[in-house]
Amino acid sequence: MTLSLVVTVGVVPEGDPMLSLTDSCTLPVAEQPLRAAEFDALFAAYLIGLEPITPTRLSMLLAGSEGLLGRVRDLTERESACCSFFTFTLAPADDGAVRLDVEVPPARAAALAAVAARARSLMSRP
């Protein structure tokens, strides 16, 4: 099973490459930090691998508790309802892990690099 989904990471500080993405997000500004915190918690608890494939494509591997696929699907579906700049592909991987791939248009490569840096800084295991 493969789902194509869209995700962003929320409110960002002035000067951050991801700042240009928030203007395209329809999530109310007050809710953006909460959504960002959900992604931060997901990365901190479950992210075990991160591999840039190209400047516009990133692959992440998450592993952990039973129900992780459902949790990732729920979060990315809620995010895709308000944002349209990242296309994520979600698929089950070996041993209950979840593969989460993200692609962006070339104009958004810097934002993808920012997401990768943020995720890597929160990764639960090297």
PDB file of N, CA and C in Angstrom:
ATOM      1  N   MET A   1       0.841  -1.169   0.000  1.00  0.00           N
ATOM      2  CA  MET A   1       0.000   0.000   0.000  1.00  0.00           C
ATOM      3  C   MET A   1       0.887   1.232   0.000  1.00  0.00           C
ATOM      4  N   THR A   2       0.629   2.166  -0.891  1.00  0.00           N
ATOM      5  CA  THR A   2       1.376   3.422  -0.955  1.00  0.00           C
ATOM      6  C   THR A   2       0.370   4.562  -1.048  1.00  0.00           C
ATOM      7  N   LEU A   3       0.558   5.575  -0.219  1.00  0.00           N
ATOM      8  CA  LEU A   3      -0.300   6.749  -0.212  1.00  0.00           C
ATOM      9  C   LEU A   3       0.538   7.961  -0.566  1.00  0.00           C
ATOM     10  N   SER A   4       0.044   8.822  -1.416  1.00  0.00           N
ATOM     11  CA  SER A   4       0.729  10.080  -1.676  1.00  0.00           C
ATOM     12  C   SER A   4       0.075  11.138  -0.813  1.00  0.00           C
ATOM     13  N   LEU A   5       0.881  11.788   0.010  1.00  0.00           N
ATOM     14  CA  LEU A   5       0.371  12.751   0.970  1.00  0.00           C
ATOM     15  C   LEU A   5       1.234  14.001   0.942  1.00  0.00           C
ATOM     16  N   VAL A   6       0.733  15.076   1.540  1.00  0.00           N
ATOM     17  CA  VAL A   6       1.439  16.344   1.554  1.00  0.00           C
ATOM     18  C   VAL A   6       1.615  16.796   2.999  1.00  0.00           C
ATOM     19  N   VAL A   7       2.811  17.274   3.334  1.00  0.00           N
ATOM     20  CA  VAL A   7       3.115  17.630   4.713  1.00  0.00           C
ATOM     21  C   VAL A   7       4.019  18.853   4.777  1.00  0.00           C
ATOM     22  N   THR A   8       3.892  19.650   5.827  1.00  0.00           N
ATOM     23  CA  THR A   8       4.831  20.713   6.172  1.00  0.00           C
ATOM     24  C   THR A   8       5.119  20.633   7.653  1.00  0.00           C
ATOM     25  N   VAL A   9       5.957  21.494   8.155  1.00  0.00           N
ATOM     26  CA  VAL A   9       6.361  21.386   9.544  1.00  0.00           C
ATOM     27  C   VAL A   9       5.935  22.580  10.403  1.00  0.00           C
ATOM     28  N   GLY A  10       5.233  23.581   9.926  1.00  0.00           N
ATOM     29  CA  GLY A  10       4.672  24.595  10.800  1.00  0.00           C
ATOM     30  C   GLY A  10       5.402  25.928  10.827  1.00  0.00           C
ATOM     31  N   VAL A  11       5.229  26.670  11.930  1.00  0.00           N
ATOM     32  CA  VAL A  11       5.778  28.008  12.083  1.00  0.00           C
ATOM     33  C   VAL A  11       7.294  27.935  12.202  1.00  0.00           C
ATOM     34  N   VAL A  12       7.966  28.851  11.512  1.00  0.00           N
ATOM     35  CA  VAL A  12       9.426  28.848  11.486  1.00  0.00           C
ATOM     36  C   VAL A  12       9.952  30.245  11.775  1.00  0.00           C
ATOM     37  N   PRO A  13      11.185  30.350  12.266  1.00  0.00           N
ATOM     38  CA  PRO A  13      11.741  31.673  12.579  1.00  0.00           C
ATOM     39  C   PRO A  13      12.084  32.475  11.327  1.00  0.00           C
ATOM     40  N   GLU A  14      12.134  33.779  11.491  1.00  0.00           N
ATOM     41  CA  GLU A  14      12.507  34.693  10.403  1.00  0.00           C
ATOM     42  C   GLU A  14      13.843  34.265   9.810  1.00  0.00           C
ATOM     43  N   GLY A  15      13.945  34.242   8.470  1.00  0.00           N
ATOM     44  CA  GLY A  15      15.179  33.883   7.786  1.00  0.00           C
ATOM     45  C   GLY A  15      15.323  32.404   7.482  1.00  0.00           C
ATOM     46  N   ASP A  16      14.497  31.558   8.056  1.00  0.00           N
ATOM     47  CA  ASP A  16      14.568  30.123   7.811  1.00  0.00           C
ATOM     48  C   ASP A  16      14.030  29.845   6.407  1.00  0.00           C
ATOM     49  N   PRO A  17      14.671  28.932   5.621  1.00  0.00           N
ATOM     50  CA  PRO A  17      14.184  28.624   4.275  1.00  0.00           C
ATOM     51  C   PRO A  17      12.750  28.122   4.250  1.00  0.00           C
ATOM     52  N   MET A  18      12.269  27.580   5.358  1.00  0.00           N
ATOM     53  CA  MET A  18      10.892  27.080   5.388  1.00  0.00           C
ATOM     54  C   MET A  18       9.867  28.195   5.529  1.00  0.00           C
ATOM     55  N   LEU A  19      10.309  29.404   5.853  1.00  0.00           N
ATOM     56  CA  LEU A  19       9.393  30.519   6.031  1.00  0.00           C
ATOM     57  C   LEU A  19       8.537  30.753   4.795  1.00  0.00           C
ATOM     58  N   SER A  20       9.098  30.548   3.624  1.00  0.00           N
ATOM     59  CA  SER A  20       8.346  30.769   2.388  1.00  0.00           C
ATOM     60  C   SER A  20       7.197  29.775   2.242  1.00  0.00           C
ATOM     61  N   LEU A  21       7.206  28.693   2.991  1.00  0.00           N
ATOM     62  CA  LEU A  21       6.148  27.697   2.884  1.00  0.00           C
ATOM     63  C   LEU A  21       4.912  28.073   3.677  1.00  0.00           C
ATOM     64  N   THR A  22       5.082  28.812   4.765  1.00  0.00           N
ATOM     65  CA  THR A  22       3.937  29.101   5.619  1.00  0.00           C
ATOM     66  C   THR A  22       2.902  29.970   4.923  1.00  0.00           C
ATOM     67  N   ASP A  23       3.304  30.732   3.907  1.00  0.00           N
ATOM     68  CA  ASP A  23       2.337  31.550   3.185  1.00  0.00           C
ATOM     69  C   ASP A  23       1.396  30.707   2.342  1.00  0.00           C
ATOM     70  N   SER A  24       1.738  29.455   2.096  1.00  0.00           N
ATOM     71  CA  SER A  24       0.897  28.563   1.312  1.00  0.00           C
ATOM     72  C   SER A  24       0.054  27.649   2.188  1.00  0.00           C
ATOM     73  N   CYS A  25       0.237  27.713   3.480  1.00  0.00           N
ATOM     74  CA  CYS A  25      -0.463  26.827   4.410  1.00  0.00           C
ATOM     75  C   CYS A  25      -1.764  27.474   4.858  1.00  0.00           C
ATOM     76  N   THR A  26      -2.846  26.699   4.841  1.00  0.00           N
ATOM     77  CA  THR A  26      -4.134  27.220   5.282  1.00  0.00           C
ATOM     78  C   THR A  26      -4.437  26.877   6.736  1.00  0.00           C
ATOM     79  N   LEU A  27      -3.514  26.189   7.415  1.00  0.00           N
ATOM     80  CA  LEU A  27      -3.697  25.914   8.837  1.00  0.00           C
ATOM     81  C   LEU A  27      -3.630  27.244   9.581  1.00  0.00           C
ATOM     82  N   PRO A  28      -4.594  27.505  10.469  1.00  0.00           N
ATOM     83  CA  PRO A  28      -4.547  28.774  11.205  1.00  0.00           C
ATOM     84  C   PRO A  28      -3.194  28.952  11.914  1.00  0.00           C
ATOM     85  N   VAL A  29      -2.695  30.168  11.902  1.00  0.00           N
ATOM     86  CA  VAL A  29      -1.382  30.470  12.470  1.00  0.00           C
ATOM     87  C   VAL A  29      -1.277  29.974  13.909  1.00  0.00           C
ATOM     88  N   ALA A  30      -2.332  30.112  14.677  1.00  0.00           N
ATOM     89  CA  ALA A  30      -2.307  29.678  16.074  1.00  0.00           C
ATOM     90  C   ALA A  30      -2.111  28.170  16.211  1.00  0.00           C
ATOM     91  N   GLU A  31      -2.505  27.399  15.207  1.00  0.00           N
ATOM     92  CA  GLU A  31      -2.384  25.943  15.258  1.00  0.00           C
ATOM     93  C   GLU A  31      -1.058  25.434  14.694  1.00  0.00           C
ATOM     94  N   GLN A  32      -0.331  26.258  13.960  1.00  0.00           N
ATOM     95  CA  GLN A  32       0.907  25.816  13.325  1.00  0.00           C
ATOM     96  C   GLN A  32       1.965  25.332  14.322  1.00  0.00           C
ATOM     97  N   PRO A  33       2.184  26.019  15.464  1.00  0.00           N
ATOM     98  CA  PRO A  33       3.174  25.495  16.423  1.00  0.00           C
ATOM     99  C   PRO A  33       2.777  24.134  16.992  1.00  0.00           C
ATOM    100  N   LEU A  34       1.484  23.904  17.171  1.00  0.00           N
ATOM    101  CA  LEU A  34       1.026  22.611  17.675  1.00  0.00           C
ATOM    102  C   LEU A  34       1.303  21.506  16.666  1.00  0.00           C
ATOM    103  N   ARG A  35       1.060  21.799  15.400  1.00  0.00           N
ATOM    104  CA  ARG A  35       1.332  20.811  14.352  1.00  0.00           C
ATOM    105  C   ARG A  35       2.828  20.551  14.248  1.00  0.00           C
ATOM    106  N   ALA A  36       3.632  21.608  14.320  1.00  0.00           N
ATOM    107  CA  ALA A  36       5.086  21.446  14.285  1.00  0.00           C
ATOM    108  C   ALA A  36       5.549  20.571  15.443  1.00  0.00           C
ATOM    109  N   ALA A  37       4.956  20.763  16.609  1.00  0.00           N
ATOM    110  CA  ALA A  37       5.311  19.953  17.777  1.00  0.00           C
ATOM    111  C   ALA A  37       4.962  18.481  17.557  1.00  0.00           C
ATOM    112  N   GLU A  38       3.873  18.216  16.844  1.00  0.00           N
ATOM    113  CA  GLU A  38       3.518  16.828  16.531  1.00  0.00           C
ATOM    114  C   GLU A  38       4.586  16.173  15.655  1.00  0.00           C
ATOM    115  N   PHE A  39       5.057  16.914  14.649  1.00  0.00           N
ATOM    116  CA  PHE A  39       6.119  16.372  13.797  1.00  0.00           C
ATOM    117  C   PHE A  39       7.418  16.210  14.582  1.00  0.00           C
ATOM    118  N   ASP A  40       7.746  17.194  15.428  1.00  0.00           N
ATOM    119  CA  ASP A  40       8.952  17.088  16.246  1.00  0.00           C
ATOM    120  C   ASP A  40       8.902  15.841  17.126  1.00  0.00           C
ATOM    121  N   ALA A  41       7.762  15.594  17.755  1.00  0.00           N
ATOM    122  CA  ALA A  41       7.611  14.428  18.622  1.00  0.00           C
ATOM    123  C   ALA A  41       7.734  13.135  17.822  1.00  0.00           C
ATOM    124  N   LEU A  42       7.155  13.116  16.636  1.00  0.00           N
ATOM    125  CA  LEU A  42       7.248  11.940  15.774  1.00  0.00           C
ATOM    126  C   LEU A  42       8.698  11.657  15.401  1.00  0.00           C
ATOM    127  N   PHE A  43       9.418  12.682  14.963  1.00  0.00           N
ATOM    128  CA  PHE A  43      10.821  12.506  14.588  1.00  0.00           C
ATOM    129  C   PHE A  43      11.665  12.086  15.792  1.00  0.00           C
ATOM    130  N   ALA A  44      11.460  12.727  16.942  1.00  0.00           N
ATOM    131  CA  ALA A  44      12.260  12.428  18.133  1.00  0.00           C
ATOM    132  C   ALA A  44      12.035  11.002  18.630  1.00  0.00           C
ATOM    133  N   ALA A  45      10.818  10.514  18.540  1.00  0.00           N
ATOM    134  CA  ALA A  45      10.498   9.197  19.076  1.00  0.00           C
ATOM    135  C   ALA A  45      10.744   8.060  18.100  1.00  0.00           C
ATOM    136  N   TYR A  46      10.584   8.302  16.791  1.00  0.00           N
ATOM    137  CA  TYR A  46      10.542   7.180  15.853  1.00  0.00           C
ATOM    138  C   TYR A  46      11.504   7.247  14.673  1.00  0.00           C
ATOM    139  N   LEU A  47      12.079   8.403  14.376  1.00  0.00           N
ATOM    140  CA  LEU A  47      12.950   8.513  13.203  1.00  0.00           C
ATOM    141  C   LEU A  47      14.277   7.809  13.465  1.00  0.00           C
ATOM    142  N   ILE A  48      14.586   6.815  12.634  1.00  0.00           N
ATOM    143  CA  ILE A  48      15.840   6.063  12.793  1.00  0.00           C
ATOM    144  C   ILE A  48      16.742   6.179  11.565  1.00  0.00           C
ATOM    145  N   GLY A  49      16.244   6.750  10.493  1.00  0.00           N
ATOM    146  CA  GLY A  49      17.048   6.894   9.292  1.00  0.00           C
ATOM    147  C   GLY A  49      16.543   8.029   8.431  1.00  0.00           C
ATOM    148  N   LEU A  50      17.490   8.695   7.781  1.00  0.00           N
ATOM    149  CA  LEU A  50      17.147   9.816   6.929  1.00  0.00           C
ATOM    150  C   LEU A  50      18.183   9.853   5.811  1.00  0.00           C
ATOM    151  N   GLU A  51      17.712   9.847   4.574  1.00  0.00           N
ATOM    152  CA  GLU A  51      18.630   9.822   3.432  1.00  0.00           C
ATOM    153  C   GLU A  51      18.151  10.763   2.340  1.00  0.00           C
ATOM    154  N   PRO A  52      18.899  11.828   2.066  1.00  0.00           N
ATOM    155  CA  PRO A  52      18.568  12.654   0.908  1.00  0.00           C
ATOM    156  C   PRO A  52      18.845  11.838  -0.362  1.00  0.00           C
ATOM    157  N   ILE A  53      17.860  11.710  -1.229  1.00  0.00           N
ATOM    158  CA  ILE A  53      18.004  10.963  -2.476  1.00  0.00           C
ATOM    159  C   ILE A  53      18.501  11.905  -3.583  1.00  0.00           C
ATOM    160  N   THR A  54      17.860  13.052  -3.681  1.00  0.00           N
ATOM    161  CA  THR A  54      18.251  14.134  -4.591  1.00  0.00           C
ATOM    162  C   THR A  54      17.964  15.437  -3.836  1.00  0.00           C
ATOM    163  N   PRO A  55      18.322  16.588  -4.379  1.00  0.00           N
ATOM    164  CA  PRO A  55      17.978  17.839  -3.693  1.00  0.00           C
ATOM    165  C   PRO A  55      16.471  18.045  -3.517  1.00  0.00           C
ATOM    166  N   THR A  56      15.667  17.313  -4.287  1.00  0.00           N
ATOM    167  CA  THR A  56      14.209  17.473  -4.187  1.00  0.00           C
ATOM    168  C   THR A  56      13.499  16.232  -3.652  1.00  0.00           C
ATOM    169  N   ARG A  57      14.258  15.264  -3.147  1.00  0.00           N
ATOM    170  CA  ARG A  57      13.644  14.039  -2.636  1.00  0.00           C
ATOM    171  C   ARG A  57      14.407  13.547  -1.409  1.00  0.00           C
ATOM    172  N   LEU A  58      13.656  13.224  -0.365  1.00  0.00           N
ATOM    173  CA  LEU A  58      14.208  12.786   0.906  1.00  0.00           C
ATOM    174  C   LEU A  58      13.468  11.524   1.345  1.00  0.00           C
ATOM    175  N   SER A  59      14.200  10.569   1.892  1.00  0.00           N
ATOM    176  CA  SER A  59      13.596   9.340   2.394  1.00  0.00           C
ATOM    177  C   SER A  59      13.864   9.228   3.888  1.00  0.00           C
ATOM    178  N   MET A  60      12.816   8.967   4.658  1.00  0.00           N
ATOM    179  CA  MET A  60      12.929   8.809   6.105  1.00  0.00           C
ATOM    180  C   MET A  60      12.415   7.433   6.504  1.00  0.00           C
ATOM    181  N   LEU A  61      13.045   6.842   7.520  1.00  0.00           N
ATOM    182  CA  LEU A  61      12.603   5.564   8.062  1.00  0.00           C
ATOM    183  C   LEU A  61      12.249   5.778   9.519  1.00  0.00           C
ATOM    184  N   LEU A  62      11.022   5.391   9.878  1.00  0.00           N
ATOM    185  CA  LEU A  62      10.551   5.510  11.253  1.00  0.00           C
ATOM    186  C   LEU A  62      10.246   4.116  11.780  1.00  0.00           C
ATOM    187  N   ALA A  63      10.610   3.859  13.016  1.00  0.00           N
ATOM    188  CA  ALA A  63      10.346   2.553  13.622  1.00  0.00           C
ATOM    189  C   ALA A  63       9.958   2.766  15.070  1.00  0.00           C
ATOM    190  N   GLY A  64       9.113   1.875  15.558  1.00  0.00           N
ATOM    191  CA  GLY A  64       8.709   1.997  16.957  1.00  0.00           C
ATOM    192  C   GLY A  64       7.524   1.138  17.273  1.00  0.00           C
ATOM    193  N   SER A  65       6.578   1.732  17.926  1.00  0.00           N
ATOM    194  CA  SER A  65       5.441   1.008  18.476  1.00  0.00           C
ATOM    195  C   SER A  65       4.463   0.527  17.412  1.00  0.00           C
ATOM    196  N   GLU A  66       3.669  -0.449  17.829  1.00  0.00           N
ATOM    197  CA  GLU A  66       2.587  -0.926  16.976  1.00  0.00           C
ATOM    198  C   GLU A  66       1.645   0.241  16.706  1.00  0.00           C
ATOM    199  N   GLY A  67       1.139   0.321  15.523  1.00  0.00           N
ATOM    200  CA  GLY A  67       0.246   1.414  15.166  1.00  0.00           C
ATOM    201  C   GLY A  67       0.951   2.641  14.608  1.00  0.00           C
ATOM    202  N   LEU A  68       2.272   2.539  14.415  1.00  0.00           N
ATOM    203  CA  LEU A  68       3.026   3.686  13.906  1.00  0.00           C
ATOM    204  C   LEU A  68       2.534   4.109  12.523  1.00  0.00           C
ATOM    205  N   LEU A  69       2.281   3.152  11.640  1.00  0.00           N
ATOM    206  CA  LEU A  69       1.798   3.489  10.298  1.00  0.00           C
ATOM    207  C   LEU A  69       0.519   4.313  10.386  1.00  0.00           C
ATOM    208  N   GLY A  70      -0.394   3.913  11.239  1.00  0.00           N
ATOM    209  CA  GLY A  70      -1.639   4.661  11.412  1.00  0.00           C
ATOM    210  C   GLY A  70      -1.408   6.052  11.961  1.00  0.00           C
ATOM    211  N   ARG A  71      -0.478   6.169  12.908  1.00  0.00           N
ATOM    212  CA  ARG A  71      -0.175   7.475  13.485  1.00  0.00           C
ATOM    213  C   ARG A  71       0.422   8.407  12.439  1.00  0.00           C
ATOM    214  N   VAL A  72       1.372   7.895  11.655  1.00  0.00           N
ATOM    215  CA  VAL A  72       1.990   8.716  10.605  1.00  0.00           C
ATOM    216  C   VAL A  72       0.947   9.078   9.550  1.00  0.00           C
ATOM    217  N   ARG A  73       0.118   8.116   9.172  1.00  0.00           N
ATOM    218  CA  ARG A  73      -0.927   8.381   8.179  1.00  0.00           C
ATOM    219  C   ARG A  73      -1.877   9.471   8.673  1.00  0.00           C
ATOM    220  N   ASP A  74      -2.307   9.373   9.930  1.00  0.00           N
ATOM    221  CA  ASP A  74      -3.226  10.365  10.479  1.00  0.00           C
ATOM    222  C   ASP A  74      -2.611  11.763  10.460  1.00  0.00           C
ATOM    223  N   LEU A  75      -1.389  11.873  10.927  1.00  0.00           N
ATOM    224  CA  LEU A  75      -0.728  13.179  10.972  1.00  0.00           C
ATOM    225  C   LEU A  75      -0.535  13.755   9.573  1.00  0.00           C
ATOM    226  N   THR A  76      -0.070  12.945   8.641  1.00  0.00           N
ATOM    227  CA  THR A  76       0.175  13.459   7.294  1.00  0.00           C
ATOM    228  C   THR A  76      -1.125  13.760   6.554  1.00  0.00           C
ATOM    229  N   GLU A  77      -2.169  12.996   6.814  1.00  0.00           N
ATOM    230  CA  GLU A  77      -3.456  13.318   6.182  1.00  0.00           C
ATOM    231  C   GLU A  77      -4.010  14.632   6.703  1.00  0.00           C
ATOM    232  N   ARG A  78      -3.908  14.875   8.007  1.00  0.00           N
ATOM    233  CA  ARG A  78      -4.368  16.152   8.554  1.00  0.00           C
ATOM    234  C   ARG A  78      -3.551  17.301   7.983  1.00  0.00           C
ATOM    235  N   GLU A  79      -2.251  17.083   7.859  1.00  0.00           N
ATOM    236  CA  GLU A  79      -1.395  18.131   7.309  1.00  0.00           C
ATOM    237  C   GLU A  79      -1.680  18.364   5.825  1.00  0.00           C
ATOM    238  N   SER A  80      -1.940  17.298   5.094  1.00  0.00           N
ATOM    239  CA  SER A  80      -2.192  17.451   3.658  1.00  0.00           C
ATOM    240  C   SER A  80      -3.490  18.196   3.383  1.00  0.00           C
ATOM    241  N   ALA A  81      -4.377  18.244   4.361  1.00  0.00           N
ATOM    242  CA  ALA A  81      -5.628  18.975   4.185  1.00  0.00           C
ATOM    243  C   ALA A  81      -5.403  20.485   4.137  1.00  0.00           C
ATOM    244  N   CYS A  82      -4.260  20.958   4.645  1.00  0.00           N
ATOM    245  CA  CYS A  82      -4.035  22.405   4.686  1.00  0.00           C
ATOM    246  C   CYS A  82      -2.803  22.867   3.906  1.00  0.00           C
ATOM    247  N   CYS A  83      -1.990  21.944   3.450  1.00  0.00           N
ATOM    248  CA  CYS A  83      -0.737  22.324   2.786  1.00  0.00           C
ATOM    249  C   CYS A  83      -0.563  21.544   1.486  1.00  0.00           C
ATOM    250  N   SER A  84       0.095  22.165   0.531  1.00  0.00           N
ATOM    251  CA  SER A  84       0.225  21.493  -0.765  1.00  0.00           C
ATOM    252  C   SER A  84       1.617  21.602  -1.371  1.00  0.00           C
ATOM    253  N   PHE A  85       2.620  21.796  -0.553  1.00  0.00           N
ATOM    254  CA  PHE A  85       3.955  22.020  -1.128  1.00  0.00           C
ATOM    255  C   PHE A  85       4.894  20.833  -1.042  1.00  0.00           C
ATOM    256  N   PHE A  86       4.674  19.878  -0.142  1.00  0.00           N
ATOM    257  CA  PHE A  86       5.483  18.660  -0.068  1.00  0.00           C
ATOM    258  C   PHE A  86       4.602  17.476  -0.441  1.00  0.00           C
ATOM    259  N   THR A  87       5.095  16.594  -1.286  1.00  0.00           N
ATOM    260  CA  THR A  87       4.376  15.361  -1.586  1.00  0.00           C
ATOM    261  C   THR A  87       5.088  14.223  -0.872  1.00  0.00           C
ATOM    262  N   PHE A  88       4.387  13.562   0.033  1.00  0.00           N
ATOM    263  CA  PHE A  88       4.947  12.462   0.801  1.00  0.00           C
ATOM    264  C   PHE A  88       4.351  11.147   0.332  1.00  0.00           C
ATOM    265  N   THR A  89       5.182  10.128   0.284  1.00  0.00           N
ATOM    266  CA  THR A  89       4.728   8.771   0.014  1.00  0.00           C
ATOM    267  C   THR A  89       4.982   7.957   1.274  1.00  0.00           C
ATOM    268  N   LEU A  90       3.951   7.327   1.753  1.00  0.00           N
ATOM    269  CA  LEU A  90       3.987   6.564   2.994  1.00  0.00           C
ATOM    270  C   LEU A  90       3.802   5.097   2.670  1.00  0.00           C
ATOM    271  N   ALA A  91       4.705   4.242   3.192  1.00  0.00           N
ATOM    272  CA  ALA A  91       4.600   2.808   2.913  1.00  0.00           C
ATOM    273  C   ALA A  91       5.169   2.008   4.076  1.00  0.00           C
ATOM    274  N   PRO A  92       4.581   0.845   4.362  1.00  0.00           N
ATOM    275  CA  PRO A  92       5.155  -0.028   5.381  1.00  0.00           C
ATOM    276  C   PRO A  92       6.515  -0.535   4.914  1.00  0.00           C
ATOM    277  N   ALA A  93       7.441  -0.703   5.853  1.00  0.00           N
ATOM    278  CA  ALA A  93       8.772  -1.239   5.565  1.00  0.00           C
ATOM    279  C   ALA A  93       8.971  -2.500   6.411  1.00  0.00           C
ATOM    280  N   ASP A  94      10.167  -3.037   6.420  1.00  0.00           N
ATOM    281  CA  ASP A  94      10.461  -4.253   7.171  1.00  0.00           C
ATOM    282  C   ASP A  94      10.255  -4.065   8.670  1.00  0.00           C
ATOM    283  N   ASP A  95       9.896  -5.141   9.346  1.00  0.00           N
ATOM    284  CA  ASP A  95       9.785  -5.180  10.807  1.00  0.00           C
ATOM    285  C   ASP A  95       8.874  -4.115  11.393  1.00  0.00           C
ATOM    286  N   GLY A  96       7.810  -3.752  10.691  1.00  0.00           N
ATOM    287  CA  GLY A  96       6.862  -2.778  11.208  1.00  0.00           C
ATOM    288  C   GLY A  96       7.289  -1.332  11.065  1.00  0.00           C
ATOM    289  N   ALA A  97       8.430  -1.104  10.452  1.00  0.00           N
ATOM    290  CA  ALA A  97       8.887   0.272  10.235  1.00  0.00           C
ATOM    291  C   ALA A  97       8.026   0.934   9.161  1.00  0.00           C
ATOM    292  N   VAL A  98       8.147   2.231   9.060  1.00  0.00           N
ATOM    293  CA  VAL A  98       7.391   3.021   8.089  1.00  0.00           C
ATOM    294  C   VAL A  98       8.373   3.832   7.262  1.00  0.00           C
ATOM    295  N   ARG A  99       8.272   3.741   5.939  1.00  0.00           N
ATOM    296  CA  ARG A  99       9.086   4.542   5.024  1.00  0.00           C
ATOM    297  C   ARG A  99       8.255   5.769   4.657  1.00  0.00           C
ATOM    298  N   LEU A 100       8.836   6.939   4.846  1.00  0.00           N
ATOM    299  CA  LEU A 100       8.183   8.199   4.548  1.00  0.00           C
ATOM    300  C   LEU A 100       9.087   8.966   3.593  1.00  0.00           C
ATOM    301  N   ASP A 101       8.698   9.063   2.335  1.00  0.00           N
ATOM    302  CA  ASP A 101       9.462   9.782   1.319  1.00  0.00           C
ATOM    303  C   ASP A 101       8.774  11.108   1.039  1.00  0.00           C
ATOM    304  N   VAL A 102       9.581  12.121   0.808  1.00  0.00           N
ATOM    305  CA  VAL A 102       9.037  13.443   0.496  1.00  0.00           C
ATOM    306  C   VAL A 102       9.716  13.968  -0.751  1.00  0.00           C
ATOM    307  N   GLU A 103       8.906  14.560  -1.609  1.00  0.00           N
ATOM    308  CA  GLU A 103       9.411  15.212  -2.819  1.00  0.00           C
ATOM    309  C   GLU A 103       8.863  16.625  -2.880  1.00  0.00           C
ATOM    310  N   VAL A 104       9.677  17.518  -3.416  1.00  0.00           N
ATOM    311  CA  VAL A 104       9.293  18.912  -3.580  1.00  0.00           C
ATOM    312  C   VAL A 104       9.675  19.373  -4.972  1.00  0.00           C
ATOM    313  N   PRO A 105       9.046  20.417  -5.483  1.00  0.00           N
ATOM    314  CA  PRO A 105       9.495  20.992  -6.749  1.00  0.00           C
ATOM    315  C   PRO A 105      10.863  21.644  -6.543  1.00  0.00           C
ATOM    316  N   PRO A 106      11.644  21.803  -7.606  1.00  0.00           N
ATOM    317  CA  PRO A 106      12.984  22.392  -7.482  1.00  0.00           C
ATOM    318  C   PRO A 106      13.008  23.727  -6.733  1.00  0.00           C
ATOM    319  N   ALA A 107      12.000  24.532  -6.882  1.00  0.00           N
ATOM    320  CA  ALA A 107      11.967  25.832  -6.208  1.00  0.00           C
ATOM    321  C   ALA A 107      11.879  25.694  -4.685  1.00  0.00           C
ATOM    322  N   ARG A 108      11.534  24.522  -4.187  1.00  0.00           N
ATOM    323  CA  ARG A 108      11.389  24.291  -2.738  1.00  0.00           C
ATOM    324  C   ARG A 108      12.525  23.439  -2.160  1.00  0.00           C
ATOM    325  N   ALA A 109      13.622  23.238  -2.910  1.00  0.00           N
ATOM    326  CA  ALA A 109      14.724  22.391  -2.443  1.00  0.00           C
ATOM    327  C   ALA A 109      15.327  22.893  -1.131  1.00  0.00           C
ATOM    328  N   ALA A 110      15.457  24.194  -0.955  1.00  0.00           N
ATOM    329  CA  ALA A 110      16.020  24.729   0.293  1.00  0.00           C
ATOM    330  C   ALA A 110      15.119  24.398   1.478  1.00  0.00           C
ATOM    331  N   ALA A 111      13.817  24.435   1.262  1.00  0.00           N
ATOM    332  CA  ALA A 111      12.886  24.090   2.343  1.00  0.00           C
ATOM    333  C   ALA A 111      13.000  22.612   2.709  1.00  0.00           C
ATOM    334  N   LEU A 112      13.173  21.762   1.711  1.00  0.00           N
ATOM    335  CA  LEU A 112      13.345  20.335   1.990  1.00  0.00           C
ATOM    336  C   LEU A 112      14.628  20.100   2.781  1.00  0.00           C
ATOM    337  N   ALA A 113      15.679  20.820   2.434  1.00  0.00           N
ATOM    338  CA  ALA A 113      16.931  20.714   3.189  1.00  0.00           C
ATOM    339  C   ALA A 113      16.721  21.145   4.639  1.00  0.00           C
ATOM    340  N   ALA A 114      15.897  22.161   4.863  1.00  0.00           N
ATOM    341  CA  ALA A 114      15.596  22.614   6.226  1.00  0.00           C
ATOM    342  C   ALA A 114      14.822  21.550   6.998  1.00  0.00           C
ATOM    343  N   VAL A 115      13.874  20.901   6.340  1.00  0.00           N
ATOM    344  CA  VAL A 115      13.130  19.819   6.980  1.00  0.00           C
ATOM    345  C   VAL A 115      14.081  18.681   7.345  1.00  0.00           C
ATOM    346  N   ALA A 116      14.969  18.329   6.429  1.00  0.00           N
ATOM    347  CA  ALA A 116      15.928  17.252   6.685  1.00  0.00           C
ATOM    348  C   ALA A 116      16.815  17.600   7.879  1.00  0.00           C
ATOM    349  N   ALA A 117      17.282  18.835   7.952  1.00  0.00           N
ATOM    350  CA  ALA A 117      18.127  19.247   9.069  1.00  0.00           C
ATOM    351  C   ALA A 117      17.356  19.190  10.385  1.00  0.00           C
ATOM    352  N   ARG A 118      16.115  19.632  10.359  1.00  0.00           N
ATOM    353  CA  ARG A 118      15.284  19.601  11.570  1.00  0.00           C
ATOM    354  C   ARG A 118      15.044  18.160  12.009  1.00  0.00           C
ATOM    355  N   ALA A 119      14.676  17.304  11.075  1.00  0.00           N
ATOM    356  CA  ALA A 119      14.424  15.901  11.399  1.00  0.00           C
ATOM    357  C   ALA A 119      15.687  15.234  11.927  1.00  0.00           C
ATOM    358  N   ARG A 120      16.818  15.488  11.280  1.00  0.00           N
ATOM    359  CA  ARG A 120      18.085  14.878  11.706  1.00  0.00           C
ATOM    360  C   ARG A 120      18.441  15.313  13.134  1.00  0.00           C
ATOM    361  N   SER A 121      18.183  16.578  13.461  1.00  0.00           N
ATOM    362  CA  SER A 121      18.503  17.086  14.805  1.00  0.00           C
ATOM    363  C   SER A 121      17.646  16.431  15.881  1.00  0.00           C
ATOM    364  N   LEU A 122      16.499  15.894  15.490  1.00  0.00           N
ATOM    365  CA  LEU A 122      15.576  15.265  16.434  1.00  0.00           C
ATOM    366  C   LEU A 122      15.613  13.738  16.393  1.00  0.00           C
ATOM    367  N   MET A 123      16.388  13.183  15.469  1.00  0.00           N
ATOM    368  CA  MET A 123      16.392  11.732  15.246  1.00  0.00           C
ATOM    369  C   MET A 123      16.657  10.970  16.545  1.00  0.00           C
ATOM    370  N   SER A 124      15.848   9.939  16.766  1.00  0.00           N
ATOM    371  CA  SER A 124      15.937   9.183  18.012  1.00  0.00           C
ATOM    372  C   SER A 124      17.175   8.309  18.097  1.00  0.00           C
ATOM    373  N   ARG A 125      17.668   7.860  16.966  1.00  0.00           N
ATOM    374  CA  ARG A 125      18.880   7.024  16.940  1.00  0.00           C
ATOM    375  C   ARG A 125      19.704   7.429  15.725  1.00  0.00           C
ATOM    376  N   PRO A 126      21.041   7.417  15.854  1.00  0.00           N
ATOM    377  CA  PRO A 126      21.871   7.797  14.695  1.00  0.00           C
ATOM    378  C   PRO A 126      21.785   6.794  13.567  1.00  0.00           C
TER     379      PRO A 126
END
